[in-house]
Amino acid sequence: MKYHGYVSFQDDDKISIFTSDPTTGQLDWQEDVVVEGGPAPLAISPDKNVLYVGRRGRQEISCYRIDPGSGGLSLLGTVPL
């Protein structure tokens, strides 16, 4: 089993997805997801199915579905603040 981690890069308009092997501690980059508008604060829902992303440059919050197998992200929607 691998764990997934998410890091936002506000100035680059992206979120990087990493995987971590709990046995070895190996951390690997998986992919980048373009998120325009300066993604910054991130929060994962308690059930670990949704990633909430604050988009500072646009004054919005976006919700992404987290694929439980790959950790990939699919945009569910965006709302203004």
PDB file of N, CA and C in Angstrom:
ATOM      1  N   MET A   1       0.844  -1.179   0.000  1.00  0.00           N
ATOM      2  CA  MET A   1       0.000   0.000   0.000  1.00  0.00           C
ATOM      3  C   MET A   1       0.894   1.249   0.000  1.00  0.00           C
ATOM      4  N   LYS A   2       0.533   2.229  -0.819  1.00  0.00           N
ATOM      5  CA  LYS A   2       1.278   3.477  -0.854  1.00  0.00           C
ATOM      6  C   LYS A   2       0.375   4.604  -0.380  1.00  0.00           C
ATOM      7  N   TYR A   3       0.998   5.616   0.185  1.00  0.00           N
ATOM      8  CA  TYR A   3       0.278   6.803   0.628  1.00  0.00           C
ATOM      9  C   TYR A   3       0.475   7.907  -0.405  1.00  0.00           C
ATOM     10  N   HIS A   4      -0.510   8.806  -0.489  1.00  0.00           N
ATOM     11  CA  HIS A   4      -0.437   9.921  -1.428  1.00  0.00           C
ATOM     12  C   HIS A   4      -0.327  11.231  -0.658  1.00  0.00           C
ATOM     13  N   GLY A   5       0.494  12.127  -1.193  1.00  0.00           N
ATOM     14  CA  GLY A   5       0.661  13.452  -0.600  1.00  0.00           C
ATOM     15  C   GLY A   5       0.490  14.513  -1.672  1.00  0.00           C
ATOM     16  N   TYR A   6       0.010  15.677  -1.254  1.00  0.00           N
ATOM     17  CA  TYR A   6      -0.279  16.772  -2.183  1.00  0.00           C
ATOM     18  C   TYR A   6       0.444  18.030  -1.707  1.00  0.00           C
ATOM     19  N   VAL A   7       1.116  18.700  -2.649  1.00  0.00           N
ATOM     20  CA  VAL A   7       1.842  19.926  -2.346  1.00  0.00           C
ATOM     21  C   VAL A   7       1.413  20.979  -3.353  1.00  0.00           C
ATOM     22  N   SER A   8       0.968  22.141  -2.852  1.00  0.00           N
ATOM     23  CA  SER A   8       0.558  23.216  -3.765  1.00  0.00           C
ATOM     24  C   SER A   8       1.734  24.145  -4.032  1.00  0.00           C
ATOM     25  N   PHE A   9       1.799  24.610  -5.263  1.00  0.00           N
ATOM     26  CA  PHE A   9       2.804  25.579  -5.700  1.00  0.00           C
ATOM     27  C   PHE A   9       2.052  26.782  -6.255  1.00  0.00           C
ATOM     28  N   GLN A  10       1.800  27.747  -5.369  1.00  0.00           N
ATOM     29  CA  GLN A  10       0.960  28.895  -5.690  1.00  0.00           C
ATOM     30  C   GLN A  10       1.465  29.662  -6.907  1.00  0.00           C
ATOM     31  N   ASP A  11       2.750  29.960  -6.953  1.00  0.00           N
ATOM     32  CA  ASP A  11       3.292  30.763  -8.050  1.00  0.00           C
ATOM     33  C   ASP A  11       3.365  30.003  -9.371  1.00  0.00           C
ATOM     34  N   ASP A  12       3.315  28.683  -9.317  1.00  0.00           N
ATOM     35  CA  ASP A  12       3.378  27.865 -10.528  1.00  0.00           C
ATOM     36  C   ASP A  12       2.005  27.357 -10.967  1.00  0.00           C
ATOM     37  N   ASP A  13       0.952  27.702 -10.207  1.00  0.00           N
ATOM     38  CA  ASP A  13      -0.415  27.269 -10.529  1.00  0.00           C
ATOM     39  C   ASP A  13      -0.517  25.754 -10.711  1.00  0.00           C
ATOM     40  N   LYS A  14       0.000  25.014  -9.719  1.00  0.00           N
ATOM     41  CA  LYS A  14      -0.086  23.562  -9.809  1.00  0.00           C
ATOM     42  C   LYS A  14      -0.081  22.926  -8.430  1.00  0.00           C
ATOM     43  N   ILE A  15      -0.549  21.692  -8.417  1.00  0.00           N
ATOM     44  CA  ILE A  15      -0.453  20.820  -7.248  1.00  0.00           C
ATOM     45  C   ILE A  15       0.339  19.597  -7.703  1.00  0.00           C
ATOM     46  N   SER A  16       1.367  19.245  -6.965  1.00  0.00           N
ATOM     47  CA  SER A  16       2.139  18.039  -7.261  1.00  0.00           C
ATOM     48  C   SER A  16       1.644  16.909  -6.373  1.00  0.00           C
ATOM     49  N   ILE A  17       1.527  15.738  -6.981  1.00  0.00           N
ATOM     50  CA  ILE A  17       1.097  14.541  -6.265  1.00  0.00           C
ATOM     51  C   ILE A  17       2.325  13.651  -6.078  1.00  0.00           C
ATOM     52  N   PHE A  18       2.527  13.212  -4.842  1.00  0.00           N
ATOM     53  CA  PHE A  18       3.632  12.326  -4.503  1.00  0.00           C
ATOM     54  C   PHE A  18       3.084  11.038  -3.910  1.00  0.00           C
ATOM     55  N   THR A  19       3.837   9.957  -4.052  1.00  0.00           N
ATOM     56  CA  THR A  19       3.507   8.714  -3.378  1.00  0.00           C
ATOM     57  C   THR A  19       4.638   8.380  -2.412  1.00  0.00           C
ATOM     58  N   SER A  20       4.257   7.723  -1.330  1.00  0.00           N
ATOM     59  CA  SER A  20       5.232   7.326  -0.321  1.00  0.00           C
ATOM     60  C   SER A  20       5.004   5.865   0.038  1.00  0.00           C
ATOM     61  N   ASP A  21       6.077   5.116   0.046  1.00  0.00           N
ATOM     62  CA  ASP A  21       6.021   3.712   0.445  1.00  0.00           C
ATOM     63  C   ASP A  21       6.264   3.651   1.955  1.00  0.00           C
ATOM     64  N   PRO A  22       5.263   3.214   2.738  1.00  0.00           N
ATOM     65  CA  PRO A  22       5.428   3.210   4.191  1.00  0.00           C
ATOM     66  C   PRO A  22       6.495   2.240   4.691  1.00  0.00           C
ATOM     67  N   THR A  23       6.839   1.252   3.907  1.00  0.00           N
ATOM     68  CA  THR A  23       7.845   0.275   4.316  1.00  0.00           C
ATOM     69  C   THR A  23       9.262   0.828   4.189  1.00  0.00           C
ATOM     70  N   THR A  24       9.513   1.504   3.059  1.00  0.00           N
ATOM     71  CA  THR A  24      10.867   1.993   2.786  1.00  0.00           C
ATOM     72  C   THR A  24      11.038   3.482   3.048  1.00  0.00           C
ATOM     73  N   GLY A  25       9.917   4.215   3.074  1.00  0.00           N
ATOM     74  CA  GLY A  25       9.991   5.664   3.217  1.00  0.00           C
ATOM     75  C   GLY A  25      10.288   6.375   1.902  1.00  0.00           C
ATOM     76  N   GLN A  26      10.386   5.615   0.821  1.00  0.00           N
ATOM     77  CA  GLN A  26      10.675   6.179  -0.496  1.00  0.00           C
ATOM     78  C   GLN A  26       9.557   7.136  -0.915  1.00  0.00           C
ATOM     79  N   LEU A  27       9.933   8.351  -1.318  1.00  0.00           N
ATOM     80  CA  LEU A  27       8.997   9.374  -1.780  1.00  0.00           C
ATOM     81  C   LEU A  27       9.233   9.585  -3.262  1.00  0.00           C
ATOM     82  N   ASP A  28       8.172   9.474  -4.060  1.00  0.00           N
ATOM     83  CA  ASP A  28       8.275   9.621  -5.512  1.00  0.00           C
ATOM     84  C   ASP A  28       7.240  10.603  -6.024  1.00  0.00           C
ATOM     85  N   TRP A  29       7.680  11.463  -6.968  1.00  0.00           N
ATOM     86  CA  TRP A  29       6.759  12.363  -7.657  1.00  0.00           C
ATOM     87  C   TRP A  29       5.914  11.524  -8.593  1.00  0.00           C
ATOM     88  N   GLN A  30       4.603  11.801  -8.628  1.00  0.00           N
ATOM     89  CA  GLN A  30       3.699  11.055  -9.489  1.00  0.00           C
ATOM     90  C   GLN A  30       3.260  11.901 -10.678  1.00  0.00           C
ATOM     91  N   GLU A  31       2.713  13.099 -10.399  1.00  0.00           N
ATOM     92  CA  GLU A  31       2.253  13.963 -11.479  1.00  0.00           C
ATOM     93  C   GLU A  31       1.942  15.357 -10.942  1.00  0.00           C
ATOM     94  N   ASP A  32       1.813  16.303 -11.868  1.00  0.00           N
ATOM     95  CA  ASP A  32       1.379  17.660 -11.543  1.00  0.00           C
ATOM     96  C   ASP A  32      -0.014  17.865 -12.095  1.00  0.00           C
ATOM     97  N   VAL A  33      -0.832  18.612 -11.348  1.00  0.00           N
ATOM     98  CA  VAL A  33      -2.173  18.973 -11.782  1.00  0.00           C
ATOM     99  C   VAL A  33      -2.219  20.492 -11.870  1.00  0.00           C
ATOM    100  N   VAL A  34      -2.603  21.013 -13.026  1.00  0.00           N
ATOM    101  CA  VAL A  34      -2.706  22.463 -13.206  1.00  0.00           C
ATOM    102  C   VAL A  34      -3.924  22.978 -12.452  1.00  0.00           C
ATOM    103  N   VAL A  35      -3.698  23.996 -11.612  1.00  0.00           N
ATOM    104  CA  VAL A  35      -4.773  24.641 -10.855  1.00  0.00           C
ATOM    105  C   VAL A  35      -4.526  26.141 -10.957  1.00  0.00           C
ATOM    106  N   GLU A  36      -5.176  26.791 -11.900  1.00  0.00           N
ATOM    107  CA  GLU A  36      -4.970  28.218 -12.102  1.00  0.00           C
ATOM    108  C   GLU A  36      -5.549  29.013 -10.941  1.00  0.00           C
ATOM    109  N   GLY A  37      -4.932  30.155 -10.665  1.00  0.00           N
ATOM    110  CA  GLY A  37      -5.447  31.021  -9.622  1.00  0.00           C
ATOM    111  C   GLY A  37      -4.725  30.913  -8.298  1.00  0.00           C
ATOM    112  N   GLY A  38      -3.510  30.435  -8.315  1.00  0.00           N
ATOM    113  CA  GLY A  38      -2.702  30.430  -7.097  1.00  0.00           C
ATOM    114  C   GLY A  38      -3.170  29.475  -6.021  1.00  0.00           C
ATOM    115  N   PRO A  39      -3.124  28.160  -6.286  1.00  0.00           N
ATOM    116  CA  PRO A  39      -3.534  27.216  -5.236  1.00  0.00           C
ATOM    117  C   PRO A  39      -2.624  27.354  -4.026  1.00  0.00           C
ATOM    118  N   ALA A  40      -3.213  27.361  -2.859  1.00  0.00           N
ATOM    119  CA  ALA A  40      -2.391  27.527  -1.656  1.00  0.00           C
ATOM    120  C   ALA A  40      -2.860  26.577  -0.564  1.00  0.00           C
ATOM    121  N   PRO A  41      -3.829  26.948   0.276  1.00  0.00           N
ATOM    122  CA  PRO A  41      -4.199  26.032   1.356  1.00  0.00           C
ATOM    123  C   PRO A  41      -4.901  24.794   0.804  1.00  0.00           C
ATOM    124  N   LEU A  42      -4.548  23.652   1.382  1.00  0.00           N
ATOM    125  CA  LEU A  42      -5.148  22.374   0.998  1.00  0.00           C
ATOM    126  C   LEU A  42      -5.743  21.708   2.232  1.00  0.00           C
ATOM    127  N   ALA A  43      -6.853  21.013   2.042  1.00  0.00           N
ATOM    128  CA  ALA A  43      -7.457  20.233   3.127  1.00  0.00           C
ATOM    129  C   ALA A  43      -8.103  18.992   2.519  1.00  0.00           C
ATOM    130  N   ILE A  44      -7.963  17.865   3.199  1.00  0.00           N
ATOM    131  CA  ILE A  44      -8.572  16.615   2.747  1.00  0.00           C
ATOM    132  C   ILE A  44      -9.758  16.312   3.643  1.00  0.00           C
ATOM    133  N   SER A  45     -10.866  15.876   3.021  1.00  0.00           N
ATOM    134  CA  SER A  45     -12.065  15.534   3.782  1.00  0.00           C
ATOM    135  C   SER A  45     -11.770  14.364   4.721  1.00  0.00           C
ATOM    136  N   PRO A  46     -12.533  14.245   5.817  1.00  0.00           N
ATOM    137  CA  PRO A  46     -12.296  13.159   6.775  1.00  0.00           C
ATOM    138  C   PRO A  46     -12.362  11.763   6.149  1.00  0.00           C
ATOM    139  N   ASP A  47     -13.197  11.585   5.114  1.00  0.00           N
ATOM    140  CA  ASP A  47     -13.281  10.272   4.467  1.00  0.00           C
ATOM    141  C   ASP A  47     -12.194  10.062   3.416  1.00  0.00           C
ATOM    142  N   LYS A  48     -11.330  11.073   3.223  1.00  0.00           N
ATOM    143  CA  LYS A  48     -10.181  11.029   2.308  1.00  0.00           C
ATOM    144  C   LYS A  48     -10.575  10.889   0.845  1.00  0.00           C
ATOM    145  N   ASN A  49     -11.792  11.331   0.501  1.00  0.00           N
ATOM    146  CA  ASN A  49     -12.265  11.237  -0.879  1.00  0.00           C
ATOM    147  C   ASN A  49     -12.211  12.559  -1.627  1.00  0.00           C
ATOM    148  N   VAL A  50     -12.034  13.677  -0.913  1.00  0.00           N
ATOM    149  CA  VAL A  50     -12.080  14.995  -1.543  1.00  0.00           C
ATOM    150  C   VAL A  50     -10.920  15.849  -1.046  1.00  0.00           C
ATOM    151  N   LEU A  51     -10.279  16.559  -1.998  1.00  0.00           N
ATOM    152  CA  LEU A  51      -9.251  17.544  -1.672  1.00  0.00           C
ATOM    153  C   LEU A  51      -9.841  18.924  -1.930  1.00  0.00           C
ATOM    154  N   TYR A  52      -9.826  19.778  -0.910  1.00  0.00           N
ATOM    155  CA  TYR A  52     -10.294  21.164  -1.034  1.00  0.00           C
ATOM    156  C   TYR A  52      -9.077  22.055  -1.258  1.00  0.00           C
ATOM    157  N   VAL A  53      -9.177  22.937  -2.239  1.00  0.00           N
ATOM    158  CA  VAL A  53      -8.052  23.778  -2.632  1.00  0.00           C
ATOM    159  C   VAL A  53      -8.482  25.243  -2.629  1.00  0.00           C
ATOM    160  N   GLY A  54      -7.839  26.050  -1.779  1.00  0.00           N
ATOM    161  CA  GLY A  54      -8.057  27.495  -1.817  1.00  0.00           C
ATOM    162  C   GLY A  54      -7.265  28.086  -2.975  1.00  0.00           C
ATOM    163  N   ARG A  55      -7.923  28.913  -3.781  1.00  0.00           N
ATOM    164  CA  ARG A  55      -7.279  29.543  -4.937  1.00  0.00           C
ATOM    165  C   ARG A  55      -7.220  31.038  -4.665  1.00  0.00           C
ATOM    166  N   ARG A  56      -6.101  31.466  -4.098  1.00  0.00           N
ATOM    167  CA  ARG A  56      -5.964  32.837  -3.596  1.00  0.00           C
ATOM    168  C   ARG A  56      -6.095  33.899  -4.676  1.00  0.00           C
ATOM    169  N   GLY A  57      -5.538  33.651  -5.842  1.00  0.00           N
ATOM    170  CA  GLY A  57      -5.572  34.637  -6.911  1.00  0.00           C
ATOM    171  C   GLY A  57      -6.959  34.873  -7.474  1.00  0.00           C
ATOM    172  N   ARG A  58      -7.861  33.948  -7.232  1.00  0.00           N
ATOM    173  CA  ARG A  58      -9.221  34.058  -7.774  1.00  0.00           C
ATOM    174  C   ARG A  58     -10.284  34.158  -6.690  1.00  0.00           C
ATOM    175  N   GLN A  59      -9.880  34.084  -5.435  1.00  0.00           N
ATOM    176  CA  GLN A  59     -10.842  34.131  -4.331  1.00  0.00           C
ATOM    177  C   GLN A  59     -11.909  33.041  -4.495  1.00  0.00           C
ATOM    178  N   GLU A  60     -11.443  31.795  -4.699  1.00  0.00           N
ATOM    179  CA  GLU A  60     -12.331  30.658  -4.903  1.00  0.00           C
ATOM    180  C   GLU A  60     -11.820  29.449  -4.105  1.00  0.00           C
ATOM    181  N   ILE A  61     -12.717  28.487  -3.938  1.00  0.00           N
ATOM    182  CA  ILE A  61     -12.346  27.182  -3.387  1.00  0.00           C
ATOM    183  C   ILE A  61     -12.803  26.134  -4.387  1.00  0.00           C
ATOM    184  N   SER A  62     -11.898  25.213  -4.728  1.00  0.00           N
ATOM    185  CA  SER A  62     -12.223  24.121  -5.638  1.00  0.00           C
ATOM    186  C   SER A  62     -12.198  22.805  -4.882  1.00  0.00           C
ATOM    187  N   CYS A  63     -13.025  21.867  -5.339  1.00  0.00           N
ATOM    188  CA  CYS A  63     -13.086  20.531  -4.758  1.00  0.00           C
ATOM    189  C   CYS A  63     -12.655  19.528  -5.821  1.00  0.00           C
ATOM    190  N   TYR A  64     -11.764  18.619  -5.420  1.00  0.00           N
ATOM    191  CA  TYR A  64     -11.277  17.587  -6.332  1.00  0.00           C
ATOM    192  C   TYR A  64     -11.562  16.219  -5.738  1.00  0.00           C
ATOM    193  N   ARG A  65     -12.073  15.318  -6.556  1.00  0.00           N
ATOM    194  CA  ARG A  65     -12.236  13.927  -6.137  1.00  0.00           C
ATOM    195  C   ARG A  65     -10.860  13.275  -6.155  1.00  0.00           C
ATOM    196  N   ILE A  66     -10.552  12.536  -5.097  1.00  0.00           N
ATOM    197  CA  ILE A  66      -9.288  11.805  -5.008  1.00  0.00           C
ATOM    198  C   ILE A  66      -9.539  10.361  -5.428  1.00  0.00           C
ATOM    199  N   ASP A  67      -8.853   9.911  -6.465  1.00  0.00           N
ATOM    200  CA  ASP A  67      -8.958   8.518  -6.875  1.00  0.00           C
ATOM    201  C   ASP A  67      -8.276   7.666  -5.812  1.00  0.00           C
ATOM    202  N   PRO A  68      -9.005   6.737  -5.193  1.00  0.00           N
ATOM    203  CA  PRO A  68      -8.419   5.970  -4.091  1.00  0.00           C
ATOM    204  C   PRO A  68      -7.256   5.071  -4.501  1.00  0.00           C
ATOM    205  N   GLY A  69      -7.192   4.670  -5.752  1.00  0.00           N
ATOM    206  CA  GLY A  69      -6.118   3.800  -6.198  1.00  0.00           C
ATOM    207  C   GLY A  69      -4.861   4.548  -6.589  1.00  0.00           C
ATOM    208  N   SER A  70      -5.033   5.575  -7.419  1.00  0.00           N
ATOM    209  CA  SER A  70      -3.880   6.294  -7.963  1.00  0.00           C
ATOM    210  C   SER A  70      -3.544   7.579  -7.211  1.00  0.00           C
ATOM    211  N   GLY A  71      -4.520   8.118  -6.467  1.00  0.00           N
ATOM    212  CA  GLY A  71      -4.323   9.414  -5.813  1.00  0.00           C
ATOM    213  C   GLY A  71      -4.559  10.570  -6.760  1.00  0.00           C
ATOM    214  N   GLY A  72      -4.915  10.277  -8.012  1.00  0.00           N
ATOM    215  CA  GLY A  72      -5.174  11.319  -8.999  1.00  0.00           C
ATOM    216  C   GLY A  72      -6.343  12.197  -8.608  1.00  0.00           C
ATOM    217  N   LEU A  73      -6.381  13.389  -9.188  1.00  0.00           N
ATOM    218  CA  LEU A  73      -7.421  14.365  -8.857  1.00  0.00           C
ATOM    219  C   LEU A  73      -8.316  14.660 -10.052  1.00  0.00           C
ATOM    220  N   SER A  74      -9.638  14.755  -9.794  1.00  0.00           N
ATOM    221  CA  SER A  74     -10.615  15.135 -10.805  1.00  0.00           C
ATOM    222  C   SER A  74     -11.434  16.283 -10.236  1.00  0.00           C
ATOM    223  N   LEU A  75     -11.519  17.377 -10.961  1.00  0.00           N
ATOM    224  CA  LEU A  75     -12.256  18.553 -10.491  1.00  0.00           C
ATOM    225  C   LEU A  75     -13.744  18.231 -10.364  1.00  0.00           C
ATOM    226  N   LEU A  76     -14.296  18.507  -9.180  1.00  0.00           N
ATOM    227  CA  LEU A  76     -15.727  18.343  -8.937  1.00  0.00           C
ATOM    228  C   LEU A  76     -16.468  19.656  -9.115  1.00  0.00           C
ATOM    229  N   GLY A  77     -15.841  20.762  -8.678  1.00  0.00           N
ATOM    230  CA  GLY A  77     -16.489  22.063  -8.794  1.00  0.00           C
ATOM    231  C   GLY A  77     -15.701  23.141  -8.082  1.00  0.00           C
ATOM    232  N   THR A  78     -16.130  24.371  -8.345  1.00  0.00           N
ATOM    233  CA  THR A  78     -15.486  25.547  -7.764  1.00  0.00           C
ATOM    234  C   THR A  78     -16.566  26.523  -7.316  1.00  0.00           C
ATOM    235  N   VAL A  79     -16.345  27.150  -6.158  1.00  0.00           N
ATOM    236  CA  VAL A  79     -17.280  28.154  -5.645  1.00  0.00           C
ATOM    237  C   VAL A  79     -16.510  29.417  -5.272  1.00  0.00           C
ATOM    238  N   PRO A  80     -17.165  30.593  -5.432  1.00  0.00           N
ATOM    239  CA  PRO A  80     -16.502  31.839  -5.026  1.00  0.00           C
ATOM    240  C   PRO A  80     -16.517  31.994  -3.512  1.00  0.00           C
ATOM    241  N   LEU A  81     -15.563  32.769  -2.999  1.00  0.00           N
ATOM    242  CA  LEU A  81     -15.540  33.078  -1.570  1.00  0.00           C
ATOM    243  C   LEU A  81     -16.326  34.339  -1.319  1.00  0.00           C
TER     244      LEU A  81
END
